[in-house]
Amino acid sequence: MLTATLPTPQVAEAESNDRQESFVSDAEISRRVLSIRSGWTVAERMARRREAERRFADLMDKLSAA
């Protein structure tokens, strides 16, 4: 019986891939979010707030039903 196998990455190769990841700090994420939000109109902010509240209510309903 023949078995097909996939080549597995070498340990050194796998470790080097992990080192290439860059993590963004909380401060940088906050700065980006504020930058994006600053371009929103009042109507868009209100619509986004309503949508967030609706999604939160749906989540709470699903959690309480479980």
Protein backbone atom coordinates (compact mmCIF):
# COMPACT_ATOMS: atom_id res chain seq x y z
CA MET A 1 0.00 0.00 0.00
CA LEU A 2 1.31 3.46 -0.91
CA THR A 3 0.80 6.44 1.34
CA ALA A 4 1.16 10.00 0.13
CA THR A 5 2.77 12.37 2.55
CA LEU A 6 3.32 16.09 2.51
CA PRO A 7 6.75 17.43 3.30
CA THR A 8 6.89 18.92 6.77
CA PRO A 9 8.64 22.25 7.33
CA GLN A 10 11.94 22.13 9.13
CA VAL A 11 11.99 23.46 12.69
CA ALA A 12 14.27 26.35 11.76
CA GLU A 13 11.95 27.31 8.89
CA ALA A 14 8.90 27.27 11.17
CA GLU A 15 10.67 29.39 13.78
CA SER A 16 11.73 31.97 11.20
CA ASN A 17 8.11 32.31 10.01
CA ASP A 18 7.01 33.09 13.59
CA ARG A 19 9.63 35.79 13.91
CA GLN A 20 8.30 37.61 10.86
CA GLU A 21 5.03 38.48 12.60
CA SER A 22 4.76 42.01 13.87
CA PHE A 23 2.41 42.93 16.66
CA VAL A 24 0.67 46.28 16.84
CA SER A 25 0.53 47.95 20.23
CA ASP A 26 -2.74 48.91 21.90
CA ALA A 27 -1.77 52.56 21.53
CA GLU A 28 -1.30 52.16 17.77
CA ILE A 29 -4.64 50.38 17.40
CA SER A 30 -6.34 53.14 19.38
CA ARG A 31 -4.70 55.82 17.24
CA ARG A 32 -5.87 54.09 14.05
CA VAL A 33 -9.42 53.69 15.33
CA LEU A 34 -9.62 57.35 16.34
CA SER A 35 -8.27 58.36 12.95
CA ILE A 36 -10.95 56.32 11.17
CA ARG A 37 -13.75 57.55 13.43
CA SER A 38 -12.77 61.18 12.90
CA GLY A 39 -13.96 60.90 9.31
CA TRP A 40 -17.44 59.67 10.22
CA THR A 41 -20.44 61.97 9.98
CA VAL A 42 -22.82 62.35 12.93
CA ALA A 43 -25.44 60.30 11.07
CA GLU A 44 -22.92 57.52 10.45
CA ARG A 45 -21.90 57.52 14.11
CA MET A 46 -25.53 57.22 15.16
CA ALA A 47 -26.18 54.39 12.70
CA ARG A 48 -23.09 52.51 13.87
CA ARG A 49 -24.09 52.97 17.51
CA ARG A 50 -27.60 51.62 16.83
CA GLU A 51 -26.14 48.63 14.97
CA ALA A 52 -23.71 47.91 17.81
CA GLU A 53 -26.53 48.07 20.36
CA ARG A 54 -28.68 45.75 18.23
CA ARG A 55 -25.86 43.22 17.91
CA PHE A 56 -25.15 43.37 21.64
CA ALA A 57 -28.83 42.78 22.43
CA ASP A 58 -28.88 39.81 20.04
CA LEU A 59 -25.78 38.38 21.70
CA MET A 60 -27.28 38.75 25.17
CA ASP A 61 -30.51 37.07 24.00
CA LYS A 62 -28.56 34.13 22.57
CA LEU A 63 -26.42 33.78 25.68
CA SER A 64 -29.40 33.85 28.02
CA ALA A 65 -31.27 31.29 25.90
CA ALA A 66 -28.38 28.81 26.07
